[in-house]
C-alpha atoms as a PDB file:
ATOM      1  CA  MET A   1     106.614  39.533 110.969  1.00  0.00           C
ATOM      2  CA  GLU A   2     106.086  37.999 107.515  1.00  0.00           C
ATOM      3  CA  GLU A   3     108.771  38.831 104.975  1.00  0.00           C
ATOM      4  CA  LEU A   4     107.713  41.077 102.107  1.00  0.00           C
ATOM      5  CA  THR A   5     107.892  40.023  98.475  1.00  0.00           C
ATOM      6  CA  THR A   6     109.924  42.268  96.187  1.00  0.00           C
ATOM      7  CA  LYS A   7     106.750  43.721  94.688  1.00  0.00           C
ATOM      8  CA  GLU A   8     105.210  44.359  98.108  1.00  0.00           C
ATOM      9  CA  PHE A   9     108.412  45.971  99.342  1.00  0.00           C
ATOM     10  CA  HIS A  10     108.623  48.418  96.437  1.00  0.00           C
ATOM     11  CA  GLU A  11     104.942  49.368  96.686  1.00  0.00           C
ATOM     12  CA  ILE A  12     105.153  49.999 100.449  1.00  0.00           C
ATOM     13  CA  TYR A  13     108.498  51.797 100.172  1.00  0.00           C
ATOM     14  CA  LYS A  14     107.167  54.067  97.426  1.00  0.00           C
ATOM     15  CA  LYS A  15     103.997  54.840  99.403  1.00  0.00           C
ATOM     16  CA  TYR A  16     105.829  55.817 102.586  1.00  0.00           C
ATOM     17  CA  PHE A  17     108.611  57.644 100.733  1.00  0.00           C
ATOM     18  CA  LYS A  18     105.985  59.874  99.160  1.00  0.00           C
ATOM     19  CA  GLU A  19     104.255  60.440 102.507  1.00  0.00           C
ATOM     20  CA  TYR A  20     107.309  61.018 104.703  1.00  0.00           C
ATOM     21  CA  PHE A  21     109.796  62.572 102.289  1.00  0.00           C
ATOM     22  CA  ASP A  22     108.268  63.849  99.038  1.00  0.00           C
ATOM     23  CA  LYS A  23     105.403  65.810 100.568  1.00  0.00           C
ATOM     24  CA  PRO A  24     107.185  67.273 103.643  1.00  0.00           C
ATOM     25  CA  LEU A  25     110.360  68.259 101.784  1.00  0.00           C
ATOM     26  CA  LYS A  26     108.461  69.887  98.941  1.00  0.00           C
ATOM     27  CA  LYS A  27     106.350  71.726 101.518  1.00  0.00           C
ATOM     28  CA  ASP A  28     109.594  72.924 103.124  1.00  0.00           C
ATOM     29  CA  GLY A  29     110.724  74.401  99.815  1.00  0.00           C
ATOM     30  CA  TYR A  30     112.901  71.629  98.379  1.00  0.00           C
ATOM     31  CA  TYR A  31     112.891  70.815  94.686  1.00  0.00           C
ATOM     32  CA  LYS A  32     112.958  67.134  93.780  1.00  0.00           C
ATOM     33  CA  LYS A  33     115.104  66.087  90.816  1.00  0.00           C
ATOM     34  CA  GLY A  34     114.893  62.462  89.839  1.00  0.00           C
ATOM     35  CA  SER A  35     113.736  59.987  92.468  1.00  0.00           C
ATOM     36  CA  ILE A  36     116.211  60.541  95.322  1.00  0.00           C
ATOM     37  CA  HIS A  37     117.615  64.085  95.119  1.00  0.00           C
ATOM     38  CA  PHE A  38     116.208  67.208  96.781  1.00  0.00           C
ATOM     39  CA  TYR A  39     117.667  70.700  96.426  1.00  0.00           C
ATOM     40  CA  LYS A  40     117.196  74.215  97.722  1.00  0.00           C
ATOM     41  CA  ILE A  41     119.297  77.343  97.140  1.00  0.00           C
ATOM     42  CA  ASN A  42     120.105  79.305 100.299  1.00  0.00           C
ATOM     43  CA  LYS A  43     120.719  83.047 100.594  1.00  0.00           C
ATOM     44  CA  LEU A  44     124.486  82.632 100.054  1.00  0.00           C
ATOM     45  CA  LYS A  45     123.810  80.773  96.794  1.00  0.00           C
ATOM     46  CA  LEU A  46     124.884  77.467  98.248  1.00  0.00           C
ATOM     47  CA  ARG A  47     123.003  74.447  96.971  1.00  0.00           C
ATOM     48  CA  GLU A  48     121.498  72.505  99.870  1.00  0.00           C
ATOM     49  CA  ILE A  49     121.608  68.816  98.981  1.00  0.00           C
ATOM     50  CA  ILE A  50     119.529  65.973 100.429  1.00  0.00           C
ATOM     51  CA  ASN A  51     120.261  62.618  98.821  1.00  0.00           C
ATOM     52  CA  PHE A  52     118.469  59.389  99.780  1.00  0.00           C
ATOM     53  CA  GLN A  53     120.544  56.251  99.391  1.00  0.00           C
ATOM     54  CA  ARG A  54     118.971  52.792  99.600  1.00  0.00           C
ATOM     55  CA  HIS A  55     120.956  49.568  99.673  1.00  0.00           C
ATOM     56  CA  TYR A  56     118.605  46.582  99.471  1.00  0.00           C
ATOM     57  CA  ASP A  57     116.563  46.785 102.688  1.00  0.00           C
ATOM     58  CA  ARG A  58     118.473  49.650 104.303  1.00  0.00           C
ATOM     59  CA  LEU A  59     118.233  53.417 103.905  1.00  0.00           C
ATOM     60  CA  THR A  60     120.389  56.418 104.712  1.00  0.00           C
ATOM     61  CA  VAL A  61     120.573  60.098 103.752  1.00  0.00           C
ATOM     62  CA  ASN A  62     123.605  61.999 102.502  1.00  0.00           C
ATOM     63  CA  PHE A  63     123.526  65.764 102.845  1.00  0.00           C
ATOM     64  CA  GLY A  64     125.694  68.757 102.152  1.00  0.00           C
ATOM     65  CA  VAL A  65     126.132  72.171 100.630  1.00  0.00           C
ATOM     66  CA  SER A  66     127.880  73.114  97.414  1.00  0.00           C
ATOM     67  CA  PRO A  67     128.754  76.629  96.146  1.00  0.00           C
ATOM     68  CA  LEU A  68     127.111  77.730  92.914  1.00  0.00           C
ATOM     69  CA  TRP A  69     129.649  80.547  92.585  1.00  0.00           C
ATOM     70  CA  CYS A  70     132.436  78.046  91.840  1.00  0.00           C
ATOM     71  CA  GLY A  71     132.056  75.931  88.724  1.00  0.00           C
ATOM     72  CA  ALA A  72     134.797  73.532  89.810  1.00  0.00           C
ATOM     73  CA  LEU A  73     132.931  72.663  93.008  1.00  0.00           C
ATOM     74  CA  LYS A  74     129.288  72.880  91.980  1.00  0.00           C
ATOM     75  CA  GLU A  75     128.652  69.137  91.667  1.00  0.00           C
ATOM     76  CA  GLY A  76     130.218  67.630  94.774  1.00  0.00           C
ATOM     77  CA  ILE A  77     129.115  67.284  98.381  1.00  0.00           C
ATOM     78  CA  ASN A  78     132.378  68.541  99.828  1.00  0.00           C
ATOM     79  CA  ILE A  79     130.873  69.918 103.028  1.00  0.00           C
ATOM     80  CA  GLY A  80     128.373  67.538 104.596  1.00  0.00           C
ATOM     81  CA  GLY A  81     127.878  64.026 105.900  1.00  0.00           C
ATOM     82  CA  ARG A  82     125.221  61.453 106.741  1.00  0.00           C
ATOM     83  CA  ILE A  83     122.000  62.081 108.616  1.00  0.00           C
ATOM     84  CA  ASN A  84     122.837  59.829 111.577  1.00  0.00           C
ATOM     85  CA  ILE A  85     125.210  62.469 113.009  1.00  0.00           C
ATOM     86  CA  PHE A  86     122.142  64.347 114.237  1.00  0.00           C
ATOM     87  CA  SER A  87     120.957  61.381 116.304  1.00  0.00           C
ATOM     88  CA  LYS A  88     122.210  60.977 119.871  1.00  0.00           C
ATOM     89  CA  GLU A  89     121.590  57.234 119.717  1.00  0.00           C
ATOM     90  CA  LYS A  90     122.974  56.633 116.222  1.00  0.00           C
ATOM     91  CA  SER A  91     125.735  59.215 115.798  1.00  0.00           C
ATOM     92  CA  HIS A  92     128.451  56.527 115.541  1.00  0.00           C
ATOM     93  CA  TRP A  93     129.399  55.555 111.983  1.00  0.00           C
ATOM     94  CA  ARG A  94     128.147  52.007 112.602  1.00  0.00           C
ATOM     95  CA  TYR A  95     124.590  53.308 112.714  1.00  0.00           C
ATOM     96  CA  GLN A  96     124.482  55.173 109.413  1.00  0.00           C
ATOM     97  CA  TRP A  97     121.719  52.968 108.002  1.00  0.00           C
ATOM     98  CA  TRP A  98     118.083  52.334 108.906  1.00  0.00           C
ATOM     99  CA  ASP A  99     116.460  48.924 108.375  1.00  0.00           C
ATOM    100  CA  LEU A 100     113.538  48.443 105.972  1.00  0.00           C
ATOM    101  CA  ARG A 101     112.862  44.729 106.398  1.00  0.00           C
ATOM    102  CA  ASN A 102     109.096  44.976 106.814  1.00  0.00           C
ATOM    103  CA  GLU A 103     106.313  47.550 106.652  1.00  0.00           C
ATOM    104  CA  GLU A 104     106.621  48.564 110.292  1.00  0.00           C
ATOM    105  CA  GLU A 105     110.372  49.135 109.963  1.00  0.00           C
ATOM    106  CA  ILE A 106     109.915  51.093 106.735  1.00  0.00           C
ATOM    107  CA  LYS A 107     107.410  53.423 108.370  1.00  0.00           C
ATOM    108  CA  ASN A 108     109.300  53.821 111.659  1.00  0.00           C
ATOM    109  CA  SER A 109     112.652  54.350 109.938  1.00  0.00           C
ATOM    110  CA  MET A 110     111.267  57.010 107.622  1.00  0.00           C
ATOM    111  CA  VAL A 111     109.528  58.806 110.486  1.00  0.00           C
ATOM    112  CA  GLU A 112     112.809  58.853 112.418  1.00  0.00           C
ATOM    113  CA  ILE A 113     114.823  60.050 109.420  1.00  0.00           C
ATOM    114  CA  LEU A 114     112.328  62.826 108.650  1.00  0.00           C
ATOM    115  CA  GLU A 115     112.566  64.063 112.233  1.00  0.00           C
ATOM    116  CA  LEU A 116     116.365  64.225 111.958  1.00  0.00           C
ATOM    117  CA  ILE A 117     116.065  66.131 108.675  1.00  0.00           C
ATOM    118  CA  GLN A 118     113.591  68.688 110.008  1.00  0.00           C
ATOM    119  CA  THR A 119     115.398  69.256 113.290  1.00  0.00           C
ATOM    120  CA  GLY A 120     119.120  68.519 113.013  1.00  0.00           C
ATOM    121  CA  LEU A 121     119.701  68.948 109.275  1.00  0.00           C
ATOM    122  CA  TYR A 122     117.614  72.089 108.819  1.00  0.00           C
ATOM    123  CA  LYS A 123     119.485  73.677 111.717  1.00  0.00           C
ATOM    124  CA  TRP A 124     122.785  72.689 110.091  1.00  0.00           C
ATOM    125  CA  PHE A 125     121.656  74.186 106.776  1.00  0.00           C
ATOM    126  CA  LYS A 126     120.628  77.391 108.560  1.00  0.00           C
ATOM    127  CA  GLU A 127     124.115  77.737 110.031  1.00  0.00           C
ATOM    128  CA  LYS A 128     125.548  77.520 106.514  1.00  0.00           C
ATOM    129  CA  GLU A 129     123.747  80.751 105.596  1.00  0.00           C
ATOM    130  CA  GLU A 130     126.373  82.744 107.492  1.00  0.00           C
ATOM    131  CA  GLU A 131     129.513  83.847 105.666  1.00  0.00           C
ATOM    132  CA  GLU A 132     131.968  83.123 108.471  1.00  0.00           C
ATOM    133  CA  ASN A 133     130.337  79.782 109.181  1.00  0.00           C
ATOM    134  CA  ILE A 134     130.788  78.556 105.636  1.00  0.00           C
ATOM    135  CA  ILE A 135     134.457  79.567 105.642  1.00  0.00           C
ATOM    136  CA  GLU A 136     134.891  77.813 108.994  1.00  0.00           C
ATOM    137  CA  SER A 137     133.267  74.732 107.454  1.00  0.00           C
ATOM    138  CA  LEU A 138     136.437  74.140 105.457  1.00  0.00           C
ATOM    139  CA  LYS A 139     137.687  72.309 108.549  1.00  0.00           C
ATOM    140  CA  GLU A 140     135.060  69.611 107.970  1.00  0.00           C
ATOM    141  CA  ALA A 141     135.263  69.606 104.167  1.00  0.00           C
ATOM    142  CA  TYR A 142     136.480  66.852 101.850  1.00  0.00           C
ATOM    143  CA  PHE A 143     138.846  69.011  99.791  1.00  0.00           C
ATOM    144  CA  ASP A 144     142.261  68.448  98.314  1.00  0.00           C
ATOM    145  CA  LYS A 145     144.492  71.531  98.363  1.00  0.00           C
ATOM    146  CA  ILE A 146     143.748  72.844  94.889  1.00  0.00           C
ATOM    147  CA  HIS A 147     139.986  72.674  95.480  1.00  0.00           C
ATOM    148  CA  GLU A 148     140.352  74.239  98.925  1.00  0.00           C
ATOM    149  CA  TYR A 149     142.224  77.207  97.458  1.00  0.00           C
ATOM    150  CA  MET A 150     139.732  77.425  94.593  1.00  0.00           C
ATOM    151  CA  PHE A 151     136.879  77.480  97.085  1.00  0.00           C
ATOM    152  CA  LEU A 152     138.542  80.283  99.023  1.00  0.00           C
ATOM    153  CA  ALA A 153     139.413  82.337  95.937  1.00  0.00           C
ATOM    154  CA  THR A 154     135.839  82.243  94.672  1.00  0.00           C
ATOM    155  CA  ALA A 155     134.387  82.696  98.170  1.00  0.00           C
ATOM    156  CA  MET A 156     136.402  85.884  98.628  1.00  0.00           C
ATOM    157  CA  ALA A 157     134.940  87.099  95.329  1.00  0.00           C
ATOM    158  CA  LYS A 158     131.431  86.102  96.396  1.00  0.00           C
ATOM    159  CA  PHE A 159     131.707  87.851  99.755  1.00  0.00           C
ATOM    160  CA  LYS A 160     133.289  90.980  98.212  1.00  0.00           C
ATOM    161  CA  ARG A 161     136.541  90.557 100.116  1.00  0.00           C
ATOM    162  CA  TYR A 162     138.334  91.802  97.033  1.00  0.00           C
ATOM    163  CA  ASP A 163     141.820  92.211  98.511  1.00  0.00           C
ATOM    164  CA  GLU A 164     141.846  88.541  99.546  1.00  0.00           C
ATOM    165  CA  ILE A 165     141.091  87.036  96.134  1.00  0.00           C
ATOM    166  CA  LEU A 166     144.501  87.214  94.424  1.00  0.00           C
ATOM    167  CA  PRO A 167     146.485  85.487  97.198  1.00  0.00           C
ATOM    168  CA  TYR A 168     144.242  82.433  96.859  1.00  0.00           C
ATOM    169  CA  ILE A 169     144.385  82.580  93.068  1.00  0.00           C
ATOM    170  CA  GLU A 170     148.175  82.420  93.356  1.00  0.00           C
ATOM    171  CA  LYS A 171     147.877  79.406  95.661  1.00  0.00           C
ATOM    172  CA  VAL A 172     145.650  77.662  93.097  1.00  0.00           C
ATOM    173  CA  LYS A 173     148.167  78.347  90.330  1.00  0.00           C
ATOM    174  CA  GLU A 174     151.062  77.189  92.496  1.00  0.00           C
ATOM    175  CA  GLU A 175     149.284  73.955  93.419  1.00  0.00           C
ATOM    176  CA  TYR A 176     148.375  73.407  89.764  1.00  0.00           C
ATOM    177  CA  LYS A 177     151.996  73.698  88.641  1.00  0.00           C
ATOM    178  CA  GLU A 178     153.699  71.919  91.535  1.00  0.00           C
ATOM    179  CA  GLY A 179     151.071  69.355  92.514  1.00  0.00           C
ATOM    180  CA  TYR A 180     150.455  67.916  89.052  1.00  0.00           C
ATOM    181  CA  SER A 181     152.763  66.762  86.275  1.00  0.00           C
ATOM    182  CA  LYS A 182     152.561  68.232  82.777  1.00  0.00           C
ATOM    183  CA  GLU A 183     151.027  64.973  81.592  1.00  0.00           C
ATOM    184  CA  GLU A 184     148.295  65.283  84.240  1.00  0.00           C
ATOM    185  CA  ARG A 185     147.691  68.940  83.421  1.00  0.00           C
ATOM    186  CA  ASP A 186     147.226  68.008  79.752  1.00  0.00           C
ATOM    187  CA  ARG A 187     145.092  64.932  80.412  1.00  0.00           C
ATOM    188  CA  ILE A 188     142.793  65.564  83.390  1.00  0.00           C
ATOM    189  CA  LYS A 189     139.642  67.326  82.228  1.00  0.00           C
ATOM    190  CA  TRP A 190     138.480  68.705  85.599  1.00  0.00           C
ATOM    191  CA  LEU A 191     141.959  70.087  86.268  1.00  0.00           C
ATOM    192  CA  LYS A 192     142.038  71.925  82.940  1.00  0.00           C
ATOM    193  CA  GLU A 193     138.569  73.346  83.579  1.00  0.00           C
ATOM    194  CA  LEU A 194     139.513  74.458  87.092  1.00  0.00           C
ATOM    195  CA  PHE A 195     142.626  76.238  85.839  1.00  0.00           C
ATOM    196  CA  LYS A 196     140.647  77.921  83.071  1.00  0.00           C
ATOM    197  CA  GLU A 197     138.139  79.105  85.669  1.00  0.00           C
ATOM    198  CA  VAL A 198     140.771  80.541  88.007  1.00  0.00           C
ATOM    199  CA  LEU A 199     142.413  82.426  85.121  1.00  0.00           C
ATOM    200  CA  LEU A 200     139.037  83.921  84.221  1.00  0.00           C
ATOM    201  CA  LEU A 201     138.530  85.026  87.815  1.00  0.00           C
ATOM    202  CA  GLU A 202     142.007  86.583  87.732  1.00  0.00           C
ATOM    203  CA  GLU A 203     140.987  88.583  84.656  1.00  0.00           C
ATOM    204  CA  LYS A 204     137.901  89.864  86.456  1.00  0.00           C
ATOM    205  CA  VAL A 205     140.015  90.942  89.423  1.00  0.00           C
ATOM    206  CA  LYS A 206     142.137  93.041  87.068  1.00  0.00           C
ATOM    207  CA  GLU A 207     138.981  94.591  85.589  1.00  0.00           C
ATOM    208  CA  GLY A 208     137.691  95.722  88.970  1.00  0.00           C
ATOM    209  CA  HIS A 209     135.046  95.155  91.623  1.00  0.00           C
ATOM    210  CA  GLU A 210     132.048  95.541  89.340  1.00  0.00           C
ATOM    211  CA  ALA A 211     133.422  92.930  86.940  1.00  0.00           C
ATOM    212  CA  ILE A 212     133.964  90.505  89.826  1.00  0.00           C
ATOM    213  CA  ASP A 213     130.413  90.960  91.103  1.00  0.00           C
ATOM    214  CA  ASP A 214     128.954  90.474  87.626  1.00  0.00           C
ATOM    215  CA  TYR A 215     131.083  87.372  87.082  1.00  0.00           C
ATOM    216  CA  ILE A 216     129.863  85.752  90.309  1.00  0.00           C
ATOM    217  CA  VAL A 217     126.187  86.371  89.480  1.00  0.00           C
ATOM    218  CA  LYS A 218     126.626  84.860  86.001  1.00  0.00           C
ATOM    219  CA  ARG A 219     128.623  81.920  87.371  1.00  0.00           C
ATOM    220  CA  GLU A 220     125.870  81.080  89.870  1.00  0.00           C
ATOM    221  CA  ARG A 221     123.264  81.104  87.128  1.00  0.00           C
ATOM    222  CA  GLN A 222     125.451  79.024  84.813  1.00  0.00           C
ATOM    223  CA  SER A 223     126.028  76.434  87.535  1.00  0.00           C
ATOM    224  CA  LEU A 224     122.280  75.911  87.910  1.00  0.00           C
ATOM    225  CA  ILE A 225     121.954  75.451  84.143  1.00  0.00           C
ATOM    226  CA  GLU A 226     124.837  72.956  84.050  1.00  0.00           C
ATOM    227  CA  LEU A 227     123.275  71.025  86.940  1.00  0.00           C
ATOM    228  CA  GLY A 228     119.913  70.850  85.188  1.00  0.00           C
ATOM    229  CA  LEU A 229     118.323  73.004  87.882  1.00  0.00           C
ATOM    230  CA  GLU A 230     117.077  75.851  85.694  1.00  0.00           C
ATOM    231  CA  LYS A 231     113.791  75.827  87.615  1.00  0.00           C
ATOM    232  CA  LEU A 232     115.657  77.170  90.647  1.00  0.00           C
ATOM    233  CA  ILE A 233     116.902  80.271  88.812  1.00  0.00           C
ATOM    234  CA  LYS A 234     115.379  83.414  90.256  1.00  0.00           C
ATOM    235  CA  ASP A 235     115.892  86.627  88.328  1.00  0.00           C
END
């Protein structure tokens, strides 16, 4: 098949992207931000993330969930992967990308990817709406220790498991002091912000259950604002 010019490629890619991704995902309740990011907030206040990644004439999709109730973790895709894991034929890491070398490949690849999104990925997202499932998902997460403990401390607050919050707060503080030098604690911005956040949560624990619940609701809202996703705020 005749090779596409750069202009032809972009026009065809844009046309099929709109048909096979923009329209179906928006119909399924996803909010598009920019040209490649789609988001939805599930009932646990986890941000469902669908991210399209193109490299020249190849395409893949990164996906994941991220907790709005934890400011330190709101931006990353710590629990997730790539769309090929839902394909029996392409589950191996070597097959993470789909070819887009001509119009037929662009169309066929996008049709195949959309099917994996609407079957495998949506099912995966649905499973992440269960409290125990999201805690269990730590086994597949890309966390270092301090972020793992931070996730658990804030998750215990989110799920109203009040007696389990402080032990994880102590683990965060211990990891902060023993896992990082004073120079790192003074220099690394995200580390300072994480520690400030865990101290605030500790204050709310001392104030009582109502203060914890109020803190989590406000933190979820603030995360959406910081992410530029104000349109997804529901009062």
